[in-house]
Protein backbone atom coordinates (compact mmCIF):
# COMPACT_ATOMS: atom_id res chain seq x y z
CA MET A 1 -21.49 -5.80 -8.34
CA PHE A 2 -19.74 -8.52 -10.33
CA LYS A 3 -19.71 -8.22 -14.10
CA VAL A 4 -20.59 -11.49 -15.89
CA LEU A 5 -20.10 -12.27 -19.57
CA VAL A 6 -22.70 -14.54 -21.16
CA VAL A 7 -21.65 -16.06 -24.50
CA ASP A 8 -24.06 -18.10 -26.62
CA ASP A 9 -24.98 -18.04 -30.29
CA ASP A 10 -28.53 -19.10 -29.33
CA LYS A 11 -30.49 -15.89 -28.64
CA LEU A 12 -33.07 -17.70 -26.46
CA TYR A 13 -30.38 -19.09 -24.14
CA ARG A 14 -28.70 -15.67 -23.94
CA VAL A 15 -31.97 -14.04 -22.90
CA ILE A 16 -32.73 -16.75 -20.32
CA LEU A 17 -29.25 -16.47 -18.83
CA GLU A 18 -29.25 -12.68 -18.89
CA ASP A 19 -32.63 -12.44 -17.14
CA SER A 20 -31.60 -14.93 -14.42
CA LEU A 21 -28.24 -13.26 -13.75
CA LYS A 22 -29.74 -9.77 -13.57
CA LYS A 23 -32.32 -11.06 -11.10
CA TRP A 24 -29.42 -12.35 -8.95
CA GLY A 25 -27.80 -8.92 -8.93
CA TYR A 26 -25.10 -9.31 -11.59
CA ASN A 27 -24.06 -6.76 -14.19
CA VAL A 28 -24.50 -8.77 -17.39
CA ILE A 29 -22.89 -8.26 -20.79
CA THR A 30 -23.46 -10.62 -23.71
CA ALA A 31 -21.64 -11.88 -26.78
CA GLU A 32 -22.83 -13.98 -29.71
CA ASP A 33 -19.58 -15.77 -30.55
CA GLY A 34 -16.13 -16.62 -29.27
CA TYR A 35 -14.27 -13.84 -31.06
CA GLU A 36 -16.53 -11.17 -29.58
CA ALA A 37 -16.14 -12.82 -26.16
CA LEU A 38 -12.34 -12.70 -26.36
CA GLN A 39 -12.39 -8.98 -27.16
CA MET A 40 -14.53 -8.30 -24.09
CA LEU A 41 -12.46 -10.50 -21.78
CA GLU A 42 -9.21 -8.84 -22.85
CA GLN A 43 -10.39 -5.33 -21.91
CA PRO A 44 -8.68 -3.84 -18.80
CA ASP A 45 -12.07 -3.57 -17.06
CA GLY A 46 -13.43 -6.77 -18.60
CA PRO A 47 -15.56 -9.27 -16.68
CA GLN A 48 -13.94 -11.78 -14.32
CA LEU A 49 -16.88 -14.20 -14.49
CA ALA A 50 -17.93 -15.82 -17.76
CA VAL A 51 -20.59 -18.35 -18.78
CA ILE A 52 -19.62 -19.62 -22.23
CA ASP A 53 -21.40 -22.02 -24.57
CA TRP A 54 -19.29 -24.90 -25.86
CA VAL A 55 -20.60 -25.19 -29.45
CA MET A 56 -20.48 -21.91 -31.39
CA PRO A 57 -19.58 -20.98 -34.97
CA GLY A 58 -16.05 -19.73 -35.52
CA LEU A 59 -14.49 -20.13 -32.09
CA GLU A 60 -15.87 -22.71 -29.69
CA GLY A 61 -15.98 -22.41 -25.92
CA PRO A 62 -12.90 -24.57 -25.12
CA GLU A 63 -10.78 -22.55 -27.56
CA VAL A 64 -11.94 -19.32 -25.89
CA CYS A 65 -10.83 -20.80 -22.55
CA ARG A 66 -7.47 -21.80 -23.98
CA ARG A 67 -6.75 -18.36 -25.42
CA VAL A 68 -7.82 -16.58 -22.25
CA ARG A 69 -5.42 -18.70 -20.19
CA GLN A 70 -2.58 -18.05 -22.66
CA GLN A 71 -3.06 -14.30 -22.95
CA ARG A 72 -4.43 -13.04 -19.64
CA LYS A 73 -1.66 -11.53 -17.50
CA MET A 74 -3.53 -9.75 -14.72
CA GLY A 75 -6.71 -10.70 -12.90
CA TYR A 76 -8.21 -14.18 -12.93
CA ILE A 77 -11.28 -15.01 -15.07
CA TYR A 78 -13.53 -17.75 -13.74
CA ILE A 79 -15.12 -19.61 -16.66
CA ILE A 80 -18.14 -21.92 -16.63
CA LEU A 81 -18.73 -23.88 -19.85
CA LEU A 82 -22.28 -24.62 -20.94
CA THR A 83 -22.46 -27.82 -22.94
CA GLY A 84 -24.77 -30.47 -24.29
CA LYS A 85 -21.84 -32.90 -24.04
CA ASP A 86 -21.88 -34.97 -20.85
CA ALA A 87 -19.40 -37.74 -21.71
CA LYS A 88 -16.40 -37.97 -19.38
CA GLU A 89 -13.89 -37.35 -22.19
CA ASP A 90 -15.72 -34.18 -23.24
CA ILE A 91 -15.82 -32.82 -19.70
CA LEU A 92 -12.10 -33.52 -19.27
CA LYS A 93 -11.41 -31.79 -22.59
CA GLY A 94 -13.15 -28.66 -21.26
CA PHE A 95 -11.11 -28.69 -18.06
CA GLU A 96 -7.88 -29.22 -20.00
CA ALA A 97 -8.73 -26.15 -22.09
CA GLY A 98 -8.90 -24.03 -18.93
CA ALA A 99 -12.55 -24.09 -17.83
CA ASP A 100 -13.15 -23.89 -14.09
CA ASP A 101 -16.54 -25.60 -14.12
CA TYR A 102 -19.22 -26.81 -16.49
CA MET A 103 -22.99 -27.25 -16.72
CA VAL A 104 -24.89 -29.57 -19.02
CA LYS A 105 -27.83 -28.15 -20.98
CA PRO A 106 -30.64 -27.88 -20.09
CA PHE A 107 -29.23 -26.47 -16.83
CA ASP A 108 -30.73 -25.92 -13.40
CA PRO A 109 -30.68 -22.14 -12.71
CA GLU A 110 -30.17 -22.59 -8.95
CA ILE A 111 -27.12 -24.79 -9.48
CA LEU A 112 -25.69 -22.18 -11.86
CA ARG A 113 -26.32 -19.51 -9.24
CA TYR A 114 -24.24 -21.35 -6.65
CA LYS A 115 -21.50 -22.17 -9.14
CA LEU A 116 -21.23 -18.42 -9.80
CA LYS A 117 -21.01 -17.80 -6.03
CA ILE A 118 -18.04 -20.18 -5.92
CA GLY A 119 -16.47 -18.21 -8.77
CA GLU A 120 -16.99 -14.96 -6.83
CA ARG A 121 -15.16 -16.34 -3.79
CA ILE A 122 -12.22 -17.53 -5.88
CA ILE A 123 -11.95 -14.19 -7.72
CA ARG A 124 -12.02 -12.25 -4.42
CA MET A 125 -9.19 -14.41 -3.06
CA GLU A 126 -7.20 -14.02 -6.30
CA ASN A 127 -7.68 -10.24 -6.23
CA GLU A 128 -6.58 -10.04 -2.59
CA LEU A 129 -3.46 -12.10 -3.30
CA PHE A 130 -2.68 -9.96 -6.35
CA GLN A 131 -3.09 -6.81 -4.26
CA LEU A 132 -0.72 -8.13 -1.61
CA ALA A 133 1.86 -9.14 -4.22
CA THR A 134 1.88 -5.86 -6.15
CA THR A 135 1.39 -3.06 -3.61
CA ASP A 136 3.46 -1.52 -0.86
CA HIS A 137 1.77 -2.57 2.40
CA LEU A 138 2.23 0.83 4.07
CA THR A 139 1.30 3.35 1.39
CA GLY A 140 -0.94 1.33 -0.92
CA LEU A 141 1.12 2.44 -3.93
CA LEU A 142 2.73 -0.05 -6.29
CA ASN A 143 5.75 -1.78 -4.81
CA ARG A 144 9.05 -1.34 -6.57
CA ARG A 145 8.93 -4.55 -8.61
CA SER A 146 5.35 -3.98 -9.81
CA PHE A 147 6.11 -0.38 -10.71
CA MET A 148 9.09 -1.46 -12.80
CA ASP A 149 7.05 -4.11 -14.61
CA ARG A 150 4.35 -1.59 -15.46
CA LEU A 151 6.90 1.07 -16.40
CA GLU A 152 8.59 -1.31 -18.81
CA ALA A 153 5.28 -2.08 -20.55
CA GLU A 154 4.38 1.62 -20.76
CA LEU A 155 7.85 2.58 -21.98
CA ASN A 156 7.73 -0.02 -24.75
CA ARG A 157 4.31 1.24 -25.80
CA CYS A 158 5.47 4.86 -25.95
CA ILE A 159 8.60 3.97 -27.93
CA ARG A 160 6.53 1.95 -30.40
CA LEU A 161 4.00 4.77 -30.86
CA ARG A 162 6.65 7.53 -30.70
CA ARG A 163 4.93 9.14 -27.73
CA PRO A 164 6.61 10.92 -24.76
CA LEU A 165 6.69 9.58 -21.22
CA GLY A 166 7.67 11.39 -18.04
CA LEU A 167 9.39 9.98 -14.97
CA LEU A 168 9.69 11.63 -11.54
CA ILE A 169 11.67 10.52 -8.52
CA ALA A 170 10.72 12.24 -5.26
CA ASP A 171 12.45 12.24 -1.90
CA ILE A 172 10.94 13.65 1.30
CA ASP A 173 13.40 16.18 2.71
CA PHE A 174 14.94 15.48 6.14
CA PHE A 175 12.63 12.53 6.75
CA LYS A 176 15.05 10.97 9.25
CA LYS A 177 14.49 13.98 11.48
CA ILE A 178 10.76 13.15 11.67
CA ASN A 179 11.50 9.59 12.77
CA ASP A 180 14.09 10.78 15.29
CA THR A 181 11.83 13.50 16.72
CA TYR A 182 8.40 11.85 16.71
CA GLY A 183 9.09 8.14 16.29
CA HIS A 184 8.58 5.66 13.47
CA ARG A 185 4.81 5.39 13.97
CA VAL A 186 4.43 9.06 13.12
CA GLY A 187 6.91 8.64 10.26
CA ASP A 188 4.72 5.87 8.84
CA GLU A 189 1.65 8.13 9.01
CA VAL A 190 3.55 10.85 7.16
CA LEU A 191 4.45 8.37 4.40
CA LYS A 192 0.84 7.22 4.10
CA ASN A 193 -0.53 10.77 3.90
CA PHE A 194 2.19 11.72 1.43
CA ALA A 195 1.05 8.83 -0.80
CA VAL A 196 -2.59 9.98 -0.57
CA ILE A 197 -1.71 13.48 -1.78
CA LEU A 198 0.44 12.01 -4.55
CA LYS A 199 -2.41 9.86 -5.88
CA LYS A 200 -4.99 12.65 -5.64
CA ASN A 201 -2.87 14.92 -7.80
CA LEU A 202 -2.21 12.44 -10.59
CA ARG A 203 -4.38 11.52 -13.55
CA ALA A 204 -6.19 8.18 -13.49
CA TYR A 205 -3.79 6.63 -16.03
CA ASP A 206 -0.57 7.84 -14.36
CA PHE A 207 0.88 5.56 -11.70
CA ALA A 208 3.15 5.87 -8.68
CA GLY A 209 5.20 3.52 -6.56
CA ARG A 210 7.27 3.48 -3.40
CA TYR A 211 10.85 3.34 -4.58
CA GLY A 212 12.32 2.70 -1.15
CA GLY A 213 12.19 4.33 2.29
CA GLU A 214 11.04 7.91 1.79
CA GLU A 215 11.63 7.83 -1.99
CA PHE A 216 8.76 7.62 -4.46
CA ILE A 217 8.63 7.21 -8.23
CA VAL A 218 5.95 8.39 -10.68
CA CYS A 219 5.25 7.60 -14.33
CA LEU A 220 3.45 10.33 -16.27
CA VAL A 221 1.88 8.78 -19.33
CA GLU A 222 2.54 10.70 -22.58
CA CYS A 223 4.06 13.74 -20.83
CA ASP A 224 7.15 15.41 -22.24
CA ILE A 225 9.89 16.98 -20.09
CA GLU A 226 8.15 20.36 -19.81
CA GLU A 227 4.80 18.86 -18.86
CA SER A 228 6.50 16.52 -16.39
CA PHE A 229 8.33 19.43 -14.76
CA LYS A 230 5.01 21.29 -14.31
CA VAL A 231 3.40 18.22 -12.72
CA ALA A 232 6.33 17.83 -10.32
CA GLU A 233 6.08 21.49 -9.31
CA ARG A 234 2.34 21.14 -8.75
CA LEU A 235 2.94 18.09 -6.55
CA ARG A 236 5.71 19.82 -4.64
CA THR A 237 3.47 22.82 -3.91
CA ALA A 238 0.54 20.63 -2.85
CA ILE A 239 2.72 18.61 -0.49
CA GLN A 240 4.40 21.52 1.27
CA SER A 241 1.06 23.30 1.84
CA ARG A 242 -0.71 20.47 3.67
CA PRO A 243 0.06 18.98 7.10
CA MET A 244 1.11 15.34 6.94
CA PHE A 245 0.26 14.63 10.58
CA GLN A 246 -1.11 16.27 13.71
CA THR A 247 0.42 15.28 17.05
CA GLU A 248 -1.53 14.75 20.28
CA ASP A 249 -0.69 18.29 21.37
CA GLU A 250 -2.09 19.51 18.01
CA ARG A 251 1.23 20.36 16.42
CA GLU A 252 1.03 19.99 12.65
CA ILE A 253 3.88 18.28 10.83
CA PHE A 254 4.68 19.66 7.38
CA VAL A 255 7.21 18.26 4.96
CA THR A 256 8.88 19.39 1.77
CA VAL A 257 9.99 17.23 -1.13
CA SER A 258 12.68 17.29 -3.79
CA PHE A 259 11.99 16.08 -7.34
CA GLY A 260 14.18 14.80 -10.14
CA VAL A 261 12.47 14.86 -13.54
CA THR A 262 13.24 13.21 -16.86
CA ALA A 263 11.29 12.12 -19.92
CA LEU A 264 11.42 9.93 -22.97
CA GLY A 265 11.96 12.12 -26.02
CA GLN A 266 12.65 11.35 -29.66
CA GLU A 267 15.53 8.99 -28.88
CA PRO A 268 14.62 5.57 -27.38
CA LYS A 269 15.80 4.97 -23.81
CA ASN A 270 15.63 1.98 -21.52
CA ILE A 271 14.44 1.97 -17.93
CA ASP A 272 17.95 2.14 -16.48
CA GLN A 273 18.74 5.28 -18.50
CA LEU A 274 15.52 7.03 -17.44
CA ILE A 275 16.00 6.21 -13.77
CA LYS A 276 19.64 7.27 -13.84
CA GLU A 277 18.68 10.64 -15.35
CA ALA A 278 15.89 11.22 -12.81
CA ASP A 279 18.16 10.12 -9.97
CA GLU A 280 20.93 12.51 -11.00
CA ALA A 281 18.40 15.34 -11.27
CA LEU A 282 17.10 14.49 -7.78
CA TYR A 283 20.64 14.56 -6.41
CA GLU A 284 21.09 18.01 -7.94
CA ALA A 285 17.82 19.17 -6.33
CA LYS A 286 19.14 18.13 -2.93
CA ARG A 287 22.47 19.83 -3.55
CA SER A 288 20.56 22.99 -4.50
CA GLY A 289 18.95 23.25 -1.08
CA ARG A 290 16.03 20.77 -1.31
CA ASN A 291 12.33 21.61 -1.73
CA CYS A 292 12.83 22.15 -5.45
CA THR A 293 12.45 20.41 -8.81
CA VAL A 294 15.33 19.79 -11.19
CA ARG A 295 14.96 18.41 -14.69
CA ALA A 296 17.54 16.16 -16.32
CA ASN A 297 19.85 17.52 -19.00
CA HIS A 298 18.63 16.32 -22.41
């Protein structure tokens, strides 16, 4: 169900719009002015469809459009302006501000309904393109570039707020042997199932990515080195205890994994420093016989 924001300082118009949209199956939230609308649109789970009145006290519809286009980084918002202005120069002004479409008051509800359907199609296409651009096609985890972008934002936040942040790098032990013994198709299935277990054992606000080949990387939000080590150990135990694949002759394929662990402490660090520390700890885990977790020296 699509979430739609209705913004109008006129209570009667808000009620009319809200009733119509609910009847069409939308999840409707409302705002009385442009400032309230901006707050709602900037939320991580904010609406991607918006019907916004042009003339409002404080912040008018075109200015809301302009600020949304300047500030929004992820996820497209399809905006329809409601206006009593029907002159060509006014309509062009709305489009220049970033509106996708407009309707002149008093509006025809059926036309609005189909304009919203167009918005739905565009948002679905945008979301699919975003998904393709940011995720690893095999595992569904973040791809390396997207992970690094998100890690940088999270790292900056934690440094600013003086909060910890944990980083894990994991490598599936002897993965080449799986490909050599069973073939790359089975190897791909192992990677996919590995990613599923990884995601299931992380909190909703942690995030993981495919670092390359059989290497994975995990950001643990506001976890110090001790907490991060415990998470890595929990993941390692969960992975080694579950089969990653079952062959046609019902043989179960198990894997083990080595972890390198580091964390942001009191001293600020950049991404390169964190990754280097986790990488060196991972190398030590492999030198120590694999299927173990090593924390970086702090």
